[in-house]
Amino acid sequence: MKTIADIKAIRDKMQAQIINRDNFDAQAETRIVVGMATCGIAAGARPVFNEFVEQVQNRNLKGVKVVRTGCLGMCKVEPIVEILVPGEPKVTYVKVDQEKAKNIVAKHIVAGQVCTDYLVDEE
């Protein structure tokens, strides 16, 4: 059985995650957009989304928001994640899993280096 303090701690953690993912200024903040249509969810987008939220929160990244979107149009390479940094071209990552999500945050979001191994193959 959980105590009131345990329940309040869970509530506070979840509210922080909601703020991180749902409130953003598209012109000033970096967005991590996860395709969450049925095809994305079936391919594993939900744990990927949760991993991005957790990484952003644990690293206390300011100006970075994780948001959901519907179908991104390439069902065979789901889960798909788009990174939108103001003033830079959009980057689309495909077949993203939780480990790739961690690397994308560390390398792309924090260090500014695109993870070229995770980009859509143009063949």
Protein backbone atom coordinates (compact mmCIF):
# COMPACT_ATOMS: atom_id res chain seq x y z
CA MET A 1 0.00 0.00 0.00
CA LYS A 2 1.29 3.47 -0.88
CA THR A 3 1.41 6.29 1.63
CA ILE A 4 0.06 9.76 0.91
CA ALA A 5 3.66 10.97 0.57
CA ASP A 6 4.35 8.26 -2.04
CA ILE A 7 1.27 9.22 -4.01
CA LYS A 8 2.18 12.93 -3.90
CA ALA A 9 5.70 12.11 -5.11
CA ILE A 10 4.27 10.15 -8.05
CA ARG A 11 1.90 13.03 -8.85
CA ASP A 12 4.72 15.58 -8.76
CA LYS A 13 6.89 13.44 -11.04
CA MET A 14 4.07 13.00 -13.55
CA GLN A 15 3.18 16.71 -13.53
CA ALA A 16 6.80 17.57 -14.34
CA GLN A 17 6.65 15.17 -17.29
CA ILE A 18 3.43 16.74 -18.55
CA ILE A 19 4.97 20.21 -18.39
CA ASN A 20 8.06 18.96 -20.26
CA ARG A 21 6.05 17.46 -23.09
CA ASP A 22 2.96 19.60 -23.55
CA ASN A 23 3.92 23.26 -23.08
CA PHE A 24 6.29 24.63 -25.69
CA ASP A 25 7.13 27.62 -27.86
CA ALA A 26 7.84 26.28 -31.36
CA GLN A 27 9.90 29.34 -32.31
CA ALA A 28 12.24 29.25 -29.31
CA GLU A 29 12.45 25.67 -28.14
CA THR A 30 13.82 22.42 -29.46
CA ARG A 31 11.10 19.84 -30.08
CA ILE A 32 11.46 16.08 -30.06
CA VAL A 33 8.44 14.85 -32.02
CA VAL A 34 7.53 11.17 -31.71
CA GLY A 35 5.11 9.58 -34.21
CA MET A 36 2.36 8.08 -32.06
CA ALA A 37 -0.20 6.88 -34.59
CA THR A 38 -1.27 3.24 -34.35
CA CYS A 39 1.61 2.14 -36.59
CA GLY A 40 4.15 3.91 -34.39
CA ILE A 41 2.65 2.58 -31.17
CA ALA A 42 2.59 -0.96 -32.58
CA ALA A 43 6.29 -0.59 -33.49
CA GLY A 44 7.23 0.56 -29.96
CA ALA A 45 6.84 4.34 -29.98
CA ARG A 46 5.33 4.53 -26.48
CA PRO A 47 8.48 3.38 -24.62
CA VAL A 48 10.56 5.56 -26.96
CA PHE A 49 8.40 8.59 -26.13
CA ASN A 50 8.68 7.82 -22.41
CA GLU A 51 12.47 7.46 -22.71
CA PHE A 52 12.78 10.89 -24.34
CA VAL A 53 10.61 12.45 -21.61
CA GLU A 54 12.72 10.77 -18.93
CA GLN A 55 16.03 11.80 -20.54
CA VAL A 56 14.94 15.43 -20.89
CA GLN A 57 13.69 15.49 -17.32
CA ASN A 58 16.69 13.67 -15.79
CA ARG A 59 19.17 15.91 -17.62
CA ASN A 60 17.09 18.96 -16.65
CA LEU A 61 17.22 20.22 -20.24
CA LYS A 62 15.62 23.62 -20.54
CA GLY A 63 14.03 24.67 -23.82
CA VAL A 64 13.55 21.06 -24.96
CA LYS A 65 10.06 19.61 -25.26
CA VAL A 66 8.91 16.11 -26.14
CA VAL A 67 5.65 16.05 -28.09
CA ARG A 68 3.47 13.51 -29.84
CA THR A 69 2.18 13.60 -33.37
CA GLY A 70 0.15 11.31 -35.58
CA CYS A 71 1.34 9.40 -38.59
CA LEU A 72 4.57 10.62 -40.18
CA GLY A 73 3.96 8.63 -43.36
CA MET A 74 6.67 5.98 -43.30
CA CYS A 75 5.08 3.11 -41.39
CA LYS A 76 7.75 0.55 -42.31
CA VAL A 77 10.46 2.51 -40.45
CA GLU A 78 8.54 3.28 -37.25
CA PRO A 79 9.12 4.43 -34.58
CA ILE A 80 9.96 7.75 -36.20
CA VAL A 81 11.31 10.75 -34.31
CA GLU A 82 11.78 14.25 -35.69
CA ILE A 83 14.10 16.75 -34.04
CA LEU A 84 13.25 20.38 -34.67
CA VAL A 85 15.85 22.88 -33.48
CA PRO A 86 15.01 26.53 -34.21
CA GLY A 87 17.05 27.83 -37.13
CA GLU A 88 18.21 24.36 -38.23
CA PRO A 89 16.80 21.85 -40.73
CA LYS A 90 14.49 19.16 -39.37
CA VAL A 91 16.20 15.82 -38.69
CA THR A 92 14.19 12.59 -38.98
CA TYR A 93 15.34 9.46 -37.18
CA VAL A 94 13.84 6.05 -37.97
CA LYS A 95 13.54 2.69 -36.23
CA VAL A 96 14.20 4.43 -32.92
CA ASP A 97 14.31 2.33 -29.77
CA GLN A 98 15.02 3.33 -26.17
CA GLU A 99 18.80 2.99 -26.54
CA LYS A 100 18.78 5.14 -29.69
CA ALA A 101 16.62 7.67 -27.85
CA LYS A 102 19.28 7.98 -25.14
CA ASN A 103 21.98 8.46 -27.79
CA ILE A 104 19.91 11.04 -29.68
CA VAL A 105 19.50 13.11 -26.53
CA ALA A 106 23.19 12.83 -25.61
CA LYS A 107 24.63 13.43 -29.06
CA HIS A 108 22.07 15.52 -30.97
CA ILE A 109 20.21 17.46 -28.29
CA VAL A 110 23.09 18.02 -25.84
CA ALA A 111 26.17 17.96 -28.12
CA GLY A 112 24.56 19.21 -31.36
CA GLN A 113 25.77 16.28 -33.49
CA VAL A 114 23.29 14.49 -35.76
CA CYS A 115 23.28 10.70 -35.25
CA THR A 116 23.73 9.80 -38.91
CA ASP A 117 23.40 6.05 -38.28
CA TYR A 118 19.73 6.51 -37.35
CA LEU A 119 18.64 8.55 -40.38
CA VAL A 120 16.28 7.24 -43.02
CA ASP A 121 18.09 5.24 -45.70
CA GLU A 122 17.54 6.88 -49.07
CA GLU A 123 17.76 3.65 -51.08
